[in-house]
Amino acid sequence: MPDTTLPEALGELAALEDPKMRAANEKRGDDHGINLSRMRAVAKKIKTDQPLAQELWGTGETAARLLALLICRPRDFTADELDAMLRETRPPKVNDWFVNYVAKKTPLAEEMRLRWFDDADPTVAAAAWSLTTERVVKSPDGLDLPHLLDLIERDMKDAPSRLQWSMNETLANIGIHHPPLRARALEIGERLQVLADYPTPPGCTSPFAPLWIGEIVRRREG
């Protein structure tokens, strides 16, 4: 779909709308009715198109914004654009895709992590913790990991759900990837009991940090 126009892209999305899927998605806070595999197929046809992505984002519609995140070029956004976009990502799937497909891919990731880390908006702070987890796993040099554990120990128990989830990811990955801090990470997780009762399907790894750490370490280290 070379040179796809905004009306054409919106028409493609409208054709995929399924009332039953919308009802299911709305239970999770996502106000759209499109099968995401089909949306990805539309994005694959369009390919990368930054101007169209910005137009789609500007509609404010959840489905259009999801498509925008699939076809955008993360390095083309300025820091202020990234900040403004994040603050508009209230639907869970839009937030998830923005953090994973844009915030983690931009060359400004570390700048944004620092900018967002102490933000009063828990959605913004959660994105910073997700970027922190990325560094914990891939480039921990320069991070004060014991201090991160201090913050998690102090704040995670009472944090709003999205922020709590992101802090818990950092906790688990410190325990998994940094053996000298594993015992402390496990102790914090056991004491706080965050996500201990999270429903986990058979065969999946629990997000409860002690179980998560134990399972992944077992797979990695035997």
C-alpha atoms as a PDB file:
ATOM      1  CA  MET A   1       0.000   0.000   0.000  1.00  0.00           C
ATOM      2  CA  PRO A   2       2.399   2.727  -1.161  1.00  0.00           C
ATOM      3  CA  ASP A   3       1.448   6.279  -0.195  1.00  0.00           C
ATOM      4  CA  THR A   4      -1.522   5.176   1.878  1.00  0.00           C
ATOM      5  CA  THR A   5      -3.703   8.113   2.852  1.00  0.00           C
ATOM      6  CA  LEU A   6      -5.257   8.640   6.258  1.00  0.00           C
ATOM      7  CA  PRO A   7      -8.809   7.948   4.991  1.00  0.00           C
ATOM      8  CA  GLU A   8      -7.598   4.749   3.321  1.00  0.00           C
ATOM      9  CA  ALA A   9      -5.885   3.551   6.490  1.00  0.00           C
ATOM     10  CA  LEU A  10      -8.916   4.355   8.617  1.00  0.00           C
ATOM     11  CA  GLY A  11     -11.087   2.543   6.100  1.00  0.00           C
ATOM     12  CA  GLU A  12      -8.900  -0.549   6.387  1.00  0.00           C
ATOM     13  CA  LEU A  13      -9.287  -0.448  10.171  1.00  0.00           C
ATOM     14  CA  ALA A  14     -13.048   0.104  10.002  1.00  0.00           C
ATOM     15  CA  ALA A  15     -13.395  -2.968   7.798  1.00  0.00           C
ATOM     16  CA  LEU A  16     -11.730  -5.079  10.494  1.00  0.00           C
ATOM     17  CA  GLU A  17     -14.007  -3.928  13.317  1.00  0.00           C
ATOM     18  CA  ASP A  18     -15.676  -6.847  15.127  1.00  0.00           C
ATOM     19  CA  PRO A  19     -18.339  -6.038  17.772  1.00  0.00           C
ATOM     20  CA  LYS A  20     -17.623  -9.241  19.735  1.00  0.00           C
ATOM     21  CA  MET A  21     -13.916  -8.470  19.850  1.00  0.00           C
ATOM     22  CA  ARG A  22     -14.654  -4.906  20.915  1.00  0.00           C
ATOM     23  CA  ALA A  23     -16.736  -6.189  23.817  1.00  0.00           C
ATOM     24  CA  ALA A  24     -13.913  -8.495  24.889  1.00  0.00           C
ATOM     25  CA  ASN A  25     -11.269  -5.783  24.541  1.00  0.00           C
ATOM     26  CA  GLU A  26     -13.318  -3.218  26.434  1.00  0.00           C
ATOM     27  CA  LYS A  27     -13.312  -5.505  29.470  1.00  0.00           C
ATOM     28  CA  ARG A  28      -9.527  -4.990  29.487  1.00  0.00           C
ATOM     29  CA  GLY A  29      -9.796  -1.242  28.947  1.00  0.00           C
ATOM     30  CA  ASP A  30      -8.971  -1.274  25.227  1.00  0.00           C
ATOM     31  CA  ASP A  31     -11.661   0.494  23.202  1.00  0.00           C
ATOM     32  CA  HIS A  32     -11.237  -1.168  19.815  1.00  0.00           C
ATOM     33  CA  GLY A  33     -12.613  -4.254  18.096  1.00  0.00           C
ATOM     34  CA  ILE A  34      -9.792  -5.348  15.820  1.00  0.00           C
ATOM     35  CA  ASN A  35      -7.899  -8.608  15.795  1.00  0.00           C
ATOM     36  CA  LEU A  36      -4.298  -7.524  16.328  1.00  0.00           C
ATOM     37  CA  SER A  37      -2.896 -10.070  13.889  1.00  0.00           C
ATOM     38  CA  ARG A  38      -5.053  -8.526  11.168  1.00  0.00           C
ATOM     39  CA  MET A  39      -3.931  -5.064  12.210  1.00  0.00           C
ATOM     40  CA  ARG A  40      -0.320  -6.194  11.893  1.00  0.00           C
ATOM     41  CA  ALA A  41      -1.096  -7.420   8.389  1.00  0.00           C
ATOM     42  CA  VAL A  42      -2.346  -3.933   7.468  1.00  0.00           C
ATOM     43  CA  ALA A  43       0.820  -2.431   8.923  1.00  0.00           C
ATOM     44  CA  LYS A  44       2.946  -4.858   6.940  1.00  0.00           C
ATOM     45  CA  LYS A  45       1.293  -3.697   3.721  1.00  0.00           C
ATOM     46  CA  ILE A  46       1.734  -0.029   4.559  1.00  0.00           C
ATOM     47  CA  LYS A  47       5.323  -0.473   5.783  1.00  0.00           C
ATOM     48  CA  THR A  48       7.085   2.317   7.683  1.00  0.00           C
ATOM     49  CA  ASP A  49       5.362   5.648   7.109  1.00  0.00           C
ATOM     50  CA  GLN A  50       6.157   8.297   9.695  1.00  0.00           C
ATOM     51  CA  PRO A  51       3.892  11.062   8.288  1.00  0.00           C
ATOM     52  CA  LEU A  52       0.923   8.681   8.160  1.00  0.00           C
ATOM     53  CA  ALA A  53       1.756   7.420  11.658  1.00  0.00           C
ATOM     54  CA  GLN A  54       1.598  10.961  12.989  1.00  0.00           C
ATOM     55  CA  GLU A  55      -1.736  11.544  11.261  1.00  0.00           C
ATOM     56  CA  LEU A  56      -3.138   8.314  12.685  1.00  0.00           C
ATOM     57  CA  TRP A  57      -1.936   9.230  16.169  1.00  0.00           C
ATOM     58  CA  GLY A  58      -3.555  12.631  15.833  1.00  0.00           C
ATOM     59  CA  THR A  59      -7.005  11.083  15.427  1.00  0.00           C
ATOM     60  CA  GLY A  60      -6.980  10.077  19.083  1.00  0.00           C
ATOM     61  CA  GLU A  61      -8.636   6.772  18.198  1.00  0.00           C
ATOM     62  CA  THR A  62      -7.235   3.663  19.850  1.00  0.00           C
ATOM     63  CA  ALA A  63      -7.144   1.453  16.739  1.00  0.00           C
ATOM     64  CA  ALA A  64      -5.565   4.227  14.679  1.00  0.00           C
ATOM     65  CA  ARG A  65      -2.955   4.814  17.363  1.00  0.00           C
ATOM     66  CA  LEU A  66      -2.095   1.121  17.523  1.00  0.00           C
ATOM     67  CA  LEU A  67      -1.555   1.104  13.756  1.00  0.00           C
ATOM     68  CA  ALA A  68       0.517   4.277  14.086  1.00  0.00           C
ATOM     69  CA  LEU A  69       2.819   2.559  16.563  1.00  0.00           C
ATOM     70  CA  LEU A  70       3.365  -0.299  14.108  1.00  0.00           C
ATOM     71  CA  ILE A  71       4.320   1.899  11.144  1.00  0.00           C
ATOM     72  CA  CYS A  72       6.154   4.769  12.827  1.00  0.00           C
ATOM     73  CA  ARG A  73       9.901   5.399  12.888  1.00  0.00           C
ATOM     74  CA  PRO A  74      10.830   5.757  16.599  1.00  0.00           C
ATOM     75  CA  ARG A  75      14.025   7.714  15.947  1.00  0.00           C
ATOM     76  CA  ASP A  76      12.036  10.466  14.233  1.00  0.00           C
ATOM     77  CA  PHE A  77      10.195  11.558  17.371  1.00  0.00           C
ATOM     78  CA  THR A  78      11.606  14.360  19.504  1.00  0.00           C
ATOM     79  CA  ALA A  79      11.837  14.047  23.275  1.00  0.00           C
ATOM     80  CA  ASP A  80       8.870  16.364  23.735  1.00  0.00           C
ATOM     81  CA  GLU A  81       6.807  14.383  21.225  1.00  0.00           C
ATOM     82  CA  LEU A  82       7.596  11.146  23.053  1.00  0.00           C
ATOM     83  CA  ASP A  83       6.654  12.724  26.363  1.00  0.00           C
ATOM     84  CA  ALA A  84       3.344  14.009  25.021  1.00  0.00           C
ATOM     85  CA  MET A  85       2.512  10.672  23.408  1.00  0.00           C
ATOM     86  CA  LEU A  86       3.199   8.687  26.562  1.00  0.00           C
ATOM     87  CA  ARG A  87       0.889  10.910  28.583  1.00  0.00           C
ATOM     88  CA  GLU A  88      -1.940  10.055  26.169  1.00  0.00           C
ATOM     89  CA  THR A  89      -1.489   6.262  26.279  1.00  0.00           C
ATOM     90  CA  ARG A  90      -4.288   5.419  28.696  1.00  0.00           C
ATOM     91  CA  PRO A  91      -5.632   2.271  26.946  1.00  0.00           C
ATOM     92  CA  PRO A  92      -3.423  -0.613  28.140  1.00  0.00           C
ATOM     93  CA  LYS A  93      -2.535  -1.933  24.678  1.00  0.00           C
ATOM     94  CA  VAL A  94      -1.602   1.531  23.391  1.00  0.00           C
ATOM     95  CA  ASN A  95       0.614   2.006  26.432  1.00  0.00           C
ATOM     96  CA  ASP A  96       2.199  -1.418  26.049  1.00  0.00           C
ATOM     97  CA  TRP A  97       2.963  -0.930  22.352  1.00  0.00           C
ATOM     98  CA  PHE A  98       4.220   2.615  22.847  1.00  0.00           C
ATOM     99  CA  VAL A  99       6.669   1.526  25.542  1.00  0.00           C
ATOM    100  CA  ASN A 100       7.879  -1.585  23.717  1.00  0.00           C
ATOM    101  CA  TYR A 101       7.817  -0.442  20.087  1.00  0.00           C
ATOM    102  CA  VAL A 102       8.748   3.220  20.471  1.00  0.00           C
ATOM    103  CA  ALA A 103      10.185   4.178  23.861  1.00  0.00           C
ATOM    104  CA  LYS A 104      12.559   1.200  23.951  1.00  0.00           C
ATOM    105  CA  LYS A 105      13.593   1.688  20.304  1.00  0.00           C
ATOM    106  CA  THR A 106      14.309   5.410  20.221  1.00  0.00           C
ATOM    107  CA  PRO A 107      17.914   6.630  20.580  1.00  0.00           C
ATOM    108  CA  LEU A 108      16.445   8.899  23.282  1.00  0.00           C
ATOM    109  CA  ALA A 109      15.496   5.955  25.514  1.00  0.00           C
ATOM    110  CA  GLU A 110      17.926   6.783  28.313  1.00  0.00           C
ATOM    111  CA  GLU A 111      17.089  10.477  28.202  1.00  0.00           C
ATOM    112  CA  MET A 112      13.407   9.622  28.478  1.00  0.00           C
ATOM    113  CA  ARG A 113      14.009   7.096  31.263  1.00  0.00           C
ATOM    114  CA  LEU A 114      15.639   9.765  33.375  1.00  0.00           C
ATOM    115  CA  ARG A 115      13.024  12.351  32.447  1.00  0.00           C
ATOM    116  CA  TRP A 116      10.148  10.080  33.402  1.00  0.00           C
ATOM    117  CA  PHE A 117      11.559   8.253  36.410  1.00  0.00           C
ATOM    118  CA  ASP A 118      10.232  10.497  39.203  1.00  0.00           C
ATOM    119  CA  ASP A 119       7.127  11.705  37.375  1.00  0.00           C
ATOM    120  CA  ALA A 120       4.012  12.100  39.488  1.00  0.00           C
ATOM    121  CA  ASP A 121       1.899  10.389  36.807  1.00  0.00           C
ATOM    122  CA  PRO A 122       2.130   6.639  37.523  1.00  0.00           C
ATOM    123  CA  THR A 123       1.700   5.789  33.834  1.00  0.00           C
ATOM    124  CA  VAL A 124       4.734   7.910  33.008  1.00  0.00           C
ATOM    125  CA  ALA A 125       6.763   6.531  35.908  1.00  0.00           C
ATOM    126  CA  ALA A 126       5.825   2.992  34.855  1.00  0.00           C
ATOM    127  CA  ALA A 127       7.354   3.602  31.433  1.00  0.00           C
ATOM    128  CA  ALA A 128      10.565   4.707  33.122  1.00  0.00           C
ATOM    129  CA  TRP A 129      10.672   1.492  35.126  1.00  0.00           C
ATOM    130  CA  SER A 130      10.120  -0.519  31.944  1.00  0.00           C
ATOM    131  CA  LEU A 131      13.100   1.251  30.379  1.00  0.00           C
ATOM    132  CA  THR A 132      15.025   0.584  33.576  1.00  0.00           C
ATOM    133  CA  THR A 133      14.286  -3.126  33.263  1.00  0.00           C
ATOM    134  CA  GLU A 134      15.671  -2.995  29.731  1.00  0.00           C
ATOM    135  CA  ARG A 135      18.919  -1.601  31.123  1.00  0.00           C
ATOM    136  CA  VAL A 136      18.992  -4.078  34.014  1.00  0.00           C
ATOM    137  CA  VAL A 137      19.004  -6.861  31.430  1.00  0.00           C
ATOM    138  CA  LYS A 138      21.054  -5.381  28.586  1.00  0.00           C
ATOM    139  CA  SER A 139      23.258  -2.550  29.887  1.00  0.00           C
ATOM    140  CA  PRO A 140      23.368  -2.392  33.671  1.00  0.00           C
ATOM    141  CA  ASP A 141      26.665  -0.502  33.908  1.00  0.00           C
ATOM    142  CA  GLY A 142      26.023   2.800  35.646  1.00  0.00           C
ATOM    143  CA  LEU A 143      22.773   1.699  37.278  1.00  0.00           C
ATOM    144  CA  ASP A 144      22.655   1.676  41.075  1.00  0.00           C
ATOM    145  CA  LEU A 145      20.927  -1.672  41.419  1.00  0.00           C
ATOM    146  CA  PRO A 146      20.870  -1.725  45.256  1.00  0.00           C
ATOM    147  CA  HIS A 147      19.202   1.699  45.189  1.00  0.00           C
ATOM    148  CA  LEU A 148      16.603   0.419  42.721  1.00  0.00           C
ATOM    149  CA  LEU A 149      15.859  -2.390  45.167  1.00  0.00           C
ATOM    150  CA  ASP A 150      15.533   0.197  47.943  1.00  0.00           C
ATOM    151  CA  LEU A 151      12.923   2.073  45.894  1.00  0.00           C
ATOM    152  CA  ILE A 152      11.062  -1.113  45.026  1.00  0.00           C
ATOM    153  CA  GLU A 153      11.061  -2.200  48.655  1.00  0.00           C
ATOM    154  CA  ARG A 154       9.695   1.189  49.718  1.00  0.00           C
ATOM    155  CA  ASP A 155       7.146   1.910  46.991  1.00  0.00           C
ATOM    156  CA  MET A 156       6.027  -1.181  45.060  1.00  0.00           C
ATOM    157  CA  LYS A 157       3.495  -2.530  47.556  1.00  0.00           C
ATOM    158  CA  ASP A 158       1.247   0.532  47.358  1.00  0.00           C
ATOM    159  CA  ALA A 159       1.956   1.639  43.784  1.00  0.00           C
ATOM    160  CA  PRO A 160      -0.894   1.893  41.226  1.00  0.00           C
ATOM    161  CA  SER A 161      -1.271  -1.286  39.202  1.00  0.00           C
ATOM    162  CA  ARG A 162       0.580  -0.278  36.019  1.00  0.00           C
ATOM    163  CA  LEU A 163       3.504   1.176  37.970  1.00  0.00           C
ATOM    164  CA  GLN A 164       3.509  -1.777  40.350  1.00  0.00           C
ATOM    165  CA  TRP A 165       3.724  -4.194  37.426  1.00  0.00           C
ATOM    166  CA  SER A 166       6.707  -2.359  35.940  1.00  0.00           C
ATOM    167  CA  MET A 167       8.538  -2.163  39.263  1.00  0.00           C
ATOM    168  CA  ASN A 168       7.920  -5.863  39.770  1.00  0.00           C
ATOM    169  CA  GLU A 169       9.488  -6.576  36.355  1.00  0.00           C
ATOM    170  CA  THR A 170      12.588  -4.695  37.437  1.00  0.00           C
ATOM    171  CA  LEU A 171      12.697  -6.613  40.731  1.00  0.00           C
ATOM    172  CA  ALA A 172      12.438  -9.975  39.010  1.00  0.00           C
ATOM    173  CA  ASN A 173      15.055  -9.146  36.399  1.00  0.00           C
ATOM    174  CA  ILE A 174      17.525  -7.900  38.984  1.00  0.00           C
ATOM    175  CA  GLY A 175      17.090 -11.248  40.715  1.00  0.00           C
ATOM    176  CA  ILE A 176      17.444 -13.191  37.475  1.00  0.00           C
ATOM    177  CA  HIS A 177      20.382 -11.380  35.895  1.00  0.00           C
ATOM    178  CA  HIS A 178      22.406 -10.248  38.925  1.00  0.00           C
ATOM    179  CA  PRO A 179      23.163 -13.216  41.191  1.00  0.00           C
ATOM    180  CA  PRO A 180      24.839 -11.167  43.982  1.00  0.00           C
ATOM    181  CA  LEU A 181      21.502  -9.384  44.492  1.00  0.00           C
ATOM    182  CA  ARG A 182      19.298 -12.427  43.993  1.00  0.00           C
ATOM    183  CA  ALA A 183      18.767 -13.235  47.658  1.00  0.00           C
ATOM    184  CA  ARG A 184      17.675  -9.701  48.420  1.00  0.00           C
ATOM    185  CA  ALA A 185      15.340  -9.600  45.416  1.00  0.00           C
ATOM    186  CA  LEU A 186      13.763 -12.868  46.531  1.00  0.00           C
ATOM    187  CA  GLU A 187      13.380 -11.609  50.094  1.00  0.00           C
ATOM    188  CA  ILE A 188      11.696  -8.393  48.956  1.00  0.00           C
ATOM    189  CA  GLY A 189       9.322 -10.330  46.751  1.00  0.00           C
ATOM    190  CA  GLU A 190       8.407 -12.811  49.471  1.00  0.00           C
ATOM    191  CA  ARG A 191       7.821 -10.085  52.027  1.00  0.00           C
ATOM    192  CA  LEU A 192       5.758  -7.763  49.816  1.00  0.00           C
ATOM    193  CA  GLN A 193       3.706 -10.570  48.204  1.00  0.00           C
ATOM    194  CA  VAL A 194       2.971  -8.390  45.160  1.00  0.00           C
ATOM    195  CA  LEU A 195       1.170 -10.447  42.469  1.00  0.00           C
ATOM    196  CA  ALA A 196       1.422 -13.576  44.628  1.00  0.00           C
ATOM    197  CA  ASP A 197      -2.196 -14.422  43.819  1.00  0.00           C
ATOM    198  CA  TYR A 198      -2.064 -13.417  40.155  1.00  0.00           C
ATOM    199  CA  PRO A 199      -3.991 -16.017  38.080  1.00  0.00           C
ATOM    200  CA  THR A 200      -1.432 -17.833  35.953  1.00  0.00           C
ATOM    201  CA  PRO A 201      -2.498 -20.349  33.273  1.00  0.00           C
ATOM    202  CA  PRO A 202      -0.885 -23.812  33.357  1.00  0.00           C
ATOM    203  CA  GLY A 203       2.482 -23.815  31.630  1.00  0.00           C
ATOM    204  CA  CYS A 204       3.014 -20.075  32.082  1.00  0.00           C
ATOM    205  CA  THR A 205       5.441 -18.419  34.469  1.00  0.00           C
ATOM    206  CA  SER A 206       3.912 -16.565  37.398  1.00  0.00           C
ATOM    207  CA  PRO A 207       4.647 -12.822  37.605  1.00  0.00           C
ATOM    208  CA  PHE A 208       5.147 -13.233  41.377  1.00  0.00           C
ATOM    209  CA  ALA A 209       8.814 -12.291  41.578  1.00  0.00           C
ATOM    210  CA  PRO A 210      10.113 -15.204  43.708  1.00  0.00           C
ATOM    211  CA  LEU A 211       8.457 -17.759  41.433  1.00  0.00           C
ATOM    212  CA  TRP A 212       9.481 -15.852  38.306  1.00  0.00           C
ATOM    213  CA  ILE A 213      13.099 -15.594  39.427  1.00  0.00           C
ATOM    214  CA  GLY A 214      13.229 -19.231  40.473  1.00  0.00           C
ATOM    215  CA  GLU A 215      11.775 -20.541  37.225  1.00  0.00           C
ATOM    216  CA  ILE A 216      13.951 -18.489  34.881  1.00  0.00           C
ATOM    217  CA  VAL A 217      17.127 -19.166  36.886  1.00  0.00           C
ATOM    218  CA  ARG A 218      16.311 -22.869  36.791  1.00  0.00           C
ATOM    219  CA  ARG A 219      15.961 -22.740  33.004  1.00  0.00           C
ATOM    220  CA  ARG A 220      19.119 -20.675  32.541  1.00  0.00           C
ATOM    221  CA  GLU A 221      21.383 -22.311  35.087  1.00  0.00           C
ATOM    222  CA  GLY A 222      19.933 -25.741  35.593  1.00  0.00           C
END
